[in-house]
Amino acid sequence: MAGTPNPIQIQKYLSGIDYPASKDDIVSKAKGEGADDDVLEALGNIPDGDYDAPTAVSKAISDAN
C-alpha cells in the first residue's frame, strides 16, 4: 500500500479552488486536475463538510489517515 500523499502534493491539485469548499468540490477539483489514486483516496477519506482553507484540508487528511 502506498503512503499518504504529502500536503504539498495534494495542494498542487487544488490550486485555484475557492474556499470555503465542500468535500465534493475538493475531490472534483483534484480529479479535474489529474490527481493520482493516492491523492483521490486520501481526499475521499476526509469527513464531509466545508473546508475554509488548504490547511483545514491538510489537517483532515492527516487526521483521517
PDB file of N, CA and C in Angstrom:
ATOM      1  N   MET A   1       0.841  -1.197   0.000  1.00  0.00           N
ATOM      2  CA  MET A   1       0.000   0.000   0.000  1.00  0.00           C
ATOM      3  C   MET A   1       0.879   1.251   0.000  1.00  0.00           C
ATOM      4  N   ALA A   2       0.516   2.189  -0.819  1.00  0.00           N
ATOM      5  CA  ALA A   2       1.295   3.419  -0.911  1.00  0.00           C
ATOM      6  C   ALA A   2       1.035   4.299   0.307  1.00  0.00           C
ATOM      7  N   GLY A   3       1.969   5.173   0.578  1.00  0.00           N
ATOM      8  CA  GLY A   3       1.814   6.057   1.726  1.00  0.00           C
ATOM      9  C   GLY A   3       0.820   7.169   1.443  1.00  0.00           C
ATOM     10  N   THR A   4       0.471   7.872   2.483  1.00  0.00           N
ATOM     11  CA  THR A   4      -0.408   9.030   2.337  1.00  0.00           C
ATOM     12  C   THR A   4       0.356  10.125   1.596  1.00  0.00           C
ATOM     13  N   PRO A   5      -0.278  10.709   0.582  1.00  0.00           N
ATOM     14  CA  PRO A   5       0.408  11.801  -0.135  1.00  0.00           C
ATOM     15  C   PRO A   5       0.661  12.976   0.807  1.00  0.00           C
ATOM     16  N   ASN A   6       1.742  13.681   0.582  1.00  0.00           N
ATOM     17  CA  ASN A   6       2.009  14.810   1.475  1.00  0.00           C
ATOM     18  C   ASN A   6       1.149  16.016   1.083  1.00  0.00           C
ATOM     19  N   PRO A   7       0.971  16.946   2.025  1.00  0.00           N
ATOM     20  CA  PRO A   7       0.067  18.078   1.772  1.00  0.00           C
ATOM     21  C   PRO A   7       0.452  18.909   0.557  1.00  0.00           C
ATOM     22  N   ILE A   8       1.740  19.007   0.272  1.00  0.00           N
ATOM     23  CA  ILE A   8       2.163  19.798  -0.882  1.00  0.00           C
ATOM     24  C   ILE A   8       1.697  19.142  -2.179  1.00  0.00           C
ATOM     25  N   GLN A   9       1.818  17.816  -2.261  1.00  0.00           N
ATOM     26  CA  GLN A   9       1.302  17.100  -3.437  1.00  0.00           C
ATOM     27  C   GLN A   9      -0.183  17.359  -3.612  1.00  0.00           C
ATOM     28  N   ILE A  10      -0.910  17.272  -2.516  1.00  0.00           N
ATOM     29  CA  ILE A  10      -2.363  17.425  -2.587  1.00  0.00           C
ATOM     30  C   ILE A  10      -2.749  18.847  -2.968  1.00  0.00           C
ATOM     31  N   GLN A  11      -2.105  19.838  -2.374  1.00  0.00           N
ATOM     32  CA  GLN A  11      -2.457  21.228  -2.669  1.00  0.00           C
ATOM     33  C   GLN A  11      -2.175  21.588  -4.117  1.00  0.00           C
ATOM     34  N   LYS A  12      -1.204  20.902  -4.721  1.00  0.00           N
ATOM     35  CA  LYS A  12      -0.893  21.134  -6.130  1.00  0.00           C
ATOM     36  C   LYS A  12      -2.134  20.888  -6.996  1.00  0.00           C
ATOM     37  N   TYR A  13      -2.935  19.893  -6.611  1.00  0.00           N
ATOM     38  CA  TYR A  13      -4.139  19.572  -7.380  1.00  0.00           C
ATOM     39  C   TYR A  13      -5.327  20.455  -7.015  1.00  0.00           C
ATOM     40  N   LEU A  14      -5.188  21.238  -5.962  1.00  0.00           N
ATOM     41  CA  LEU A  14      -6.288  22.087  -5.517  1.00  0.00           C
ATOM     42  C   LEU A  14      -6.027  23.561  -5.786  1.00  0.00           C
ATOM     43  N   SER A  15      -4.955  23.868  -6.508  1.00  0.00           N
ATOM     44  CA  SER A  15      -4.655  25.281  -6.743  1.00  0.00           C
ATOM     45  C   SER A  15      -5.787  25.912  -7.540  1.00  0.00           C
ATOM     46  N   GLY A  16      -6.195  27.083  -7.097  1.00  0.00           N
ATOM     47  CA  GLY A  16      -7.263  27.805  -7.777  1.00  0.00           C
ATOM     48  C   GLY A  16      -8.651  27.513  -7.254  1.00  0.00           C
ATOM     49  N   ILE A  17      -8.790  26.548  -6.349  1.00  0.00           N
ATOM     50  CA  ILE A  17     -10.117  26.264  -5.801  1.00  0.00           C
ATOM     51  C   ILE A  17     -10.515  27.401  -4.866  1.00  0.00           C
ATOM     52  N   ASP A  18     -11.806  27.717  -4.850  1.00  0.00           N
ATOM     53  CA  ASP A  18     -12.299  28.769  -3.960  1.00  0.00           C
ATOM     54  C   ASP A  18     -12.720  28.158  -2.633  1.00  0.00           C
ATOM     55  N   TYR A  19     -12.179  28.709  -1.554  1.00  0.00           N
ATOM     56  CA  TYR A  19     -12.588  28.295  -0.211  1.00  0.00           C
ATOM     57  C   TYR A  19     -13.604  29.297   0.308  1.00  0.00           C
ATOM     58  N   PRO A  20     -14.582  28.887   1.130  1.00  0.00           N
ATOM     59  CA  PRO A  20     -14.765  27.514   1.603  1.00  0.00           C
ATOM     60  C   PRO A  20     -15.197  26.581   0.480  1.00  0.00           C
ATOM     61  N   ALA A  21     -14.768  25.326   0.591  1.00  0.00           N
ATOM     62  CA  ALA A  21     -15.085  24.317  -0.409  1.00  0.00           C
ATOM     63  C   ALA A  21     -15.581  23.064   0.290  1.00  0.00           C
ATOM     64  N   SER A  22     -16.574  22.426  -0.314  1.00  0.00           N
ATOM     65  CA  SER A  22     -17.076  21.183   0.259  1.00  0.00           C
ATOM     66  C   SER A  22     -16.150  20.037  -0.112  1.00  0.00           C
ATOM     67  N   LYS A  23     -16.289  18.935   0.594  1.00  0.00           N
ATOM     68  CA  LYS A  23     -15.513  17.742   0.267  1.00  0.00           C
ATOM     69  C   LYS A  23     -15.721  17.373  -1.201  1.00  0.00           C
ATOM     70  N   ASP A  24     -16.973  17.399  -1.671  1.00  0.00           N
ATOM     71  CA  ASP A  24     -17.254  17.045  -3.067  1.00  0.00           C
ATOM     72  C   ASP A  24     -16.528  17.970  -4.040  1.00  0.00           C
ATOM     73  N   ASP A  25     -16.532  19.274  -3.729  1.00  0.00           N
ATOM     74  CA  ASP A  25     -15.827  20.234  -4.583  1.00  0.00           C
ATOM     75  C   ASP A  25     -14.337  19.929  -4.618  1.00  0.00           C
ATOM     76  N   ILE A  26     -13.786  19.596  -3.456  1.00  0.00           N
ATOM     77  CA  ILE A  26     -12.356  19.326  -3.342  1.00  0.00           C
ATOM     78  C   ILE A  26     -11.976  18.084  -4.148  1.00  0.00           C
ATOM     79  N   VAL A  27     -12.761  17.021  -3.998  1.00  0.00           N
ATOM     80  CA  VAL A  27     -12.486  15.784  -4.735  1.00  0.00           C
ATOM     81  C   VAL A  27     -12.645  16.022  -6.235  1.00  0.00           C
ATOM     82  N   SER A  28     -13.694  16.735  -6.632  1.00  0.00           N
ATOM     83  CA  SER A  28     -13.916  17.025  -8.059  1.00  0.00           C
ATOM     84  C   SER A  28     -12.780  17.840  -8.654  1.00  0.00           C
ATOM     85  N   LYS A  29     -12.333  18.831  -7.913  1.00  0.00           N
ATOM     86  CA  LYS A  29     -11.232  19.687  -8.382  1.00  0.00           C
ATOM     87  C   LYS A  29      -9.966  18.850  -8.577  1.00  0.00           C
ATOM     88  N   ALA A  30      -9.660  18.002  -7.592  1.00  0.00           N
ATOM     89  CA  ALA A  30      -8.463  17.168  -7.688  1.00  0.00           C
ATOM     90  C   ALA A  30      -8.555  16.223  -8.897  1.00  0.00           C
ATOM     91  N   LYS A  31      -9.730  15.624  -9.109  1.00  0.00           N
ATOM     92  CA  LYS A  31      -9.927  14.751 -10.274  1.00  0.00           C
ATOM     93  C   LYS A  31      -9.703  15.524 -11.560  1.00  0.00           C
ATOM     94  N   GLY A  32     -10.281  16.714 -11.639  1.00  0.00           N
ATOM     95  CA  GLY A  32     -10.151  17.550 -12.829  1.00  0.00           C
ATOM     96  C   GLY A  32      -8.718  17.955 -13.108  1.00  0.00           C
ATOM     97  N   GLU A  33      -7.909  18.032 -12.061  1.00  0.00           N
ATOM     98  CA  GLU A  33      -6.506  18.410 -12.211  1.00  0.00           C
ATOM     99  C   GLU A  33      -5.612  17.196 -12.451  1.00  0.00           C
ATOM    100  N   GLY A  34      -6.206  16.014 -12.532  1.00  0.00           N
ATOM    101  CA  GLY A  34      -5.421  14.818 -12.839  1.00  0.00           C
ATOM    102  C   GLY A  34      -4.737  14.183 -11.643  1.00  0.00           C
ATOM    103  N   ALA A  35      -5.322  14.361 -10.462  1.00  0.00           N
ATOM    104  CA  ALA A  35      -4.729  13.773  -9.252  1.00  0.00           C
ATOM    105  C   ALA A  35      -4.667  12.254  -9.376  1.00  0.00           C
ATOM    106  N   ASP A  36      -3.621  11.670  -8.789  1.00  0.00           N
ATOM    107  CA  ASP A  36      -3.490  10.211  -8.841  1.00  0.00           C
ATOM    108  C   ASP A  36      -4.382   9.545  -7.793  1.00  0.00           C
ATOM    109  N   ASP A  37      -4.437   8.222  -7.845  1.00  0.00           N
ATOM    110  CA  ASP A  37      -5.346   7.473  -6.969  1.00  0.00           C
ATOM    111  C   ASP A  37      -5.047   7.689  -5.494  1.00  0.00           C
ATOM    112  N   ASP A  38      -3.771   7.813  -5.123  1.00  0.00           N
ATOM    113  CA  ASP A  38      -3.423   8.026  -3.721  1.00  0.00           C
ATOM    114  C   ASP A  38      -4.020   9.332  -3.199  1.00  0.00           C
ATOM    115  N   VAL A  39      -3.923  10.371  -4.016  1.00  0.00           N
ATOM    116  CA  VAL A  39      -4.461  11.673  -3.615  1.00  0.00           C
ATOM    117  C   VAL A  39      -5.982  11.598  -3.521  1.00  0.00           C
ATOM    118  N   LEU A  40      -6.617  10.993  -4.526  1.00  0.00           N
ATOM    119  CA  LEU A  40      -8.076  10.899  -4.513  1.00  0.00           C
ATOM    120  C   LEU A  40      -8.574  10.051  -3.344  1.00  0.00           C
ATOM    121  N   GLU A  41      -7.833   9.001  -3.037  1.00  0.00           N
ATOM    122  CA  GLU A  41      -8.216   8.163  -1.895  1.00  0.00           C
ATOM    123  C   GLU A  41      -8.092   8.943  -0.595  1.00  0.00           C
ATOM    124  N   ALA A  42      -7.003   9.683  -0.437  1.00  0.00           N
ATOM    125  CA  ALA A  42      -6.801  10.482   0.774  1.00  0.00           C
ATOM    126  C   ALA A  42      -7.916  11.511   0.925  1.00  0.00           C
ATOM    127  N   LEU A  43      -8.270  12.176  -0.180  1.00  0.00           N
ATOM    128  CA  LEU A  43      -9.344  13.171  -0.116  1.00  0.00           C
ATOM    129  C   LEU A  43     -10.697  12.510   0.119  1.00  0.00           C
ATOM    130  N   GLY A  44     -10.870  11.303  -0.411  1.00  0.00           N
ATOM    131  CA  GLY A  44     -12.117  10.577  -0.211  1.00  0.00           C
ATOM    132  C   GLY A  44     -12.337  10.159   1.230  1.00  0.00           C
ATOM    133  N   ASN A  45     -11.258  10.113   2.011  1.00  0.00           N
ATOM    134  CA  ASN A  45     -11.348   9.689   3.410  1.00  0.00           C
ATOM    135  C   ASN A  45     -11.638  10.834   4.373  1.00  0.00           C
ATOM    136  N   ILE A  46     -11.608  12.075   3.895  1.00  0.00           N
ATOM    137  CA  ILE A  46     -11.867  13.182   4.814  1.00  0.00           C
ATOM    138  C   ILE A  46     -13.367  13.264   5.123  1.00  0.00           C
ATOM    139  N   PRO A  47     -13.712  13.792   6.290  1.00  0.00           N
ATOM    140  CA  PRO A  47     -15.146  13.903   6.630  1.00  0.00           C
ATOM    141  C   PRO A  47     -15.877  14.861   5.693  1.00  0.00           C
ATOM    142  N   ASP A  48     -17.158  14.594   5.487  1.00  0.00           N
ATOM    143  CA  ASP A  48     -17.978  15.539   4.722  1.00  0.00           C
ATOM    144  C   ASP A  48     -18.030  16.855   5.466  1.00  0.00           C
ATOM    145  N   GLY A  49     -18.116  17.929   4.711  1.00  0.00           N
ATOM    146  CA  GLY A  49     -18.212  19.240   5.345  1.00  0.00           C
ATOM    147  C   GLY A  49     -17.531  20.280   4.487  1.00  0.00           C
ATOM    148  N   ASP A  50     -17.555  21.506   4.963  1.00  0.00           N
ATOM    149  CA  ASP A  50     -16.911  22.601   4.254  1.00  0.00           C
ATOM    150  C   ASP A  50     -15.553  22.879   4.878  1.00  0.00           C
ATOM    151  N   TYR A  51     -14.583  23.108   4.019  1.00  0.00           N
ATOM    152  CA  TYR A  51     -13.216  23.398   4.442  1.00  0.00           C
ATOM    153  C   TYR A  51     -12.905  24.831   4.050  1.00  0.00           C
ATOM    154  N   ASP A  52     -12.378  25.587   5.009  1.00  0.00           N
ATOM    155  CA  ASP A  52     -12.226  27.021   4.770  1.00  0.00           C
ATOM    156  C   ASP A  52     -10.837  27.425   4.293  1.00  0.00           C
ATOM    157  N   ALA A  53      -9.912  26.471   4.252  1.00  0.00           N
ATOM    158  CA  ALA A  53      -8.549  26.810   3.840  1.00  0.00           C
ATOM    159  C   ALA A  53      -7.782  25.536   3.507  1.00  0.00           C
ATOM    160  N   PRO A  54      -6.697  25.669   2.731  1.00  0.00           N
ATOM    161  CA  PRO A  54      -5.871  24.493   2.431  1.00  0.00           C
ATOM    162  C   PRO A  54      -5.382  23.784   3.691  1.00  0.00           C
ATOM    163  N   THR A  55      -5.099  24.546   4.738  1.00  0.00           N
ATOM    164  CA  THR A  55      -4.614  23.921   5.973  1.00  0.00           C
ATOM    165  C   THR A  55      -5.680  23.029   6.602  1.00  0.00           C
ATOM    166  N   ALA A  56      -6.945  23.403   6.456  1.00  0.00           N
ATOM    167  CA  ALA A  56      -8.035  22.591   7.009  1.00  0.00           C
ATOM    168  C   ALA A  56      -8.120  21.258   6.270  1.00  0.00           C
ATOM    169  N   VAL A  57      -7.909  21.296   4.956  1.00  0.00           N
ATOM    170  CA  VAL A  57      -7.914  20.064   4.165  1.00  0.00           C
ATOM    171  C   VAL A  57      -6.739  19.180   4.581  1.00  0.00           C
ATOM    172  N   SER A  58      -5.567  19.770   4.707  1.00  0.00           N
ATOM    173  CA  SER A  58      -4.379  19.018   5.095  1.00  0.00           C
ATOM    174  C   SER A  58      -4.556  18.375   6.463  1.00  0.00           C
ATOM    175  N   LYS A  59      -5.136  19.113   7.404  1.00  0.00           N
ATOM    176  CA  LYS A  59      -5.357  18.578   8.747  1.00  0.00           C
ATOM    177  C   LYS A  59      -6.349  17.415   8.700  1.00  0.00           C
ATOM    178  N   ALA A  60      -7.411  17.546   7.924  1.00  0.00           N
ATOM    179  CA  ALA A  60      -8.411  16.492   7.817  1.00  0.00           C
ATOM    180  C   ALA A  60      -7.783  15.223   7.233  1.00  0.00           C
ATOM    181  N   ILE A  61      -6.903  15.395   6.263  1.00  0.00           N
ATOM    182  CA  ILE A  61      -6.234  14.234   5.650  1.00  0.00           C
ATOM    183  C   ILE A  61      -5.352  13.552   6.676  1.00  0.00           C
ATOM    184  N   SER A  62      -4.567  14.312   7.428  1.00  0.00           N
ATOM    185  CA  SER A  62      -3.679  13.670   8.391  1.00  0.00           C
ATOM    186  C   SER A  62      -4.483  13.027   9.525  1.00  0.00           C
ATOM    187  N   ASP A  63      -5.606  13.626   9.906  1.00  0.00           N
ATOM    188  CA  ASP A  63      -6.453  13.038  10.943  1.00  0.00           C
ATOM    189  C   ASP A  63      -7.126  11.744  10.467  1.00  0.00           C
ATOM    190  N   ALA A  64      -7.467  11.691   9.183  1.00  0.00           N
ATOM    191  CA  ALA A  64      -8.222  10.562   8.642  1.00  0.00           C
ATOM    192  C   ALA A  64      -7.331   9.367   8.309  1.00  0.00           C
ATOM    193  N   ASN A  65      -6.037   9.600   8.200  1.00  0.00           N
ATOM    194  CA  ASN A  65      -5.152   8.519   7.753  1.00  0.00           C
ATOM    195  C   ASN A  65      -4.195   8.051   8.841  1.00  0.00           C
TER     196      ASN A  65
END
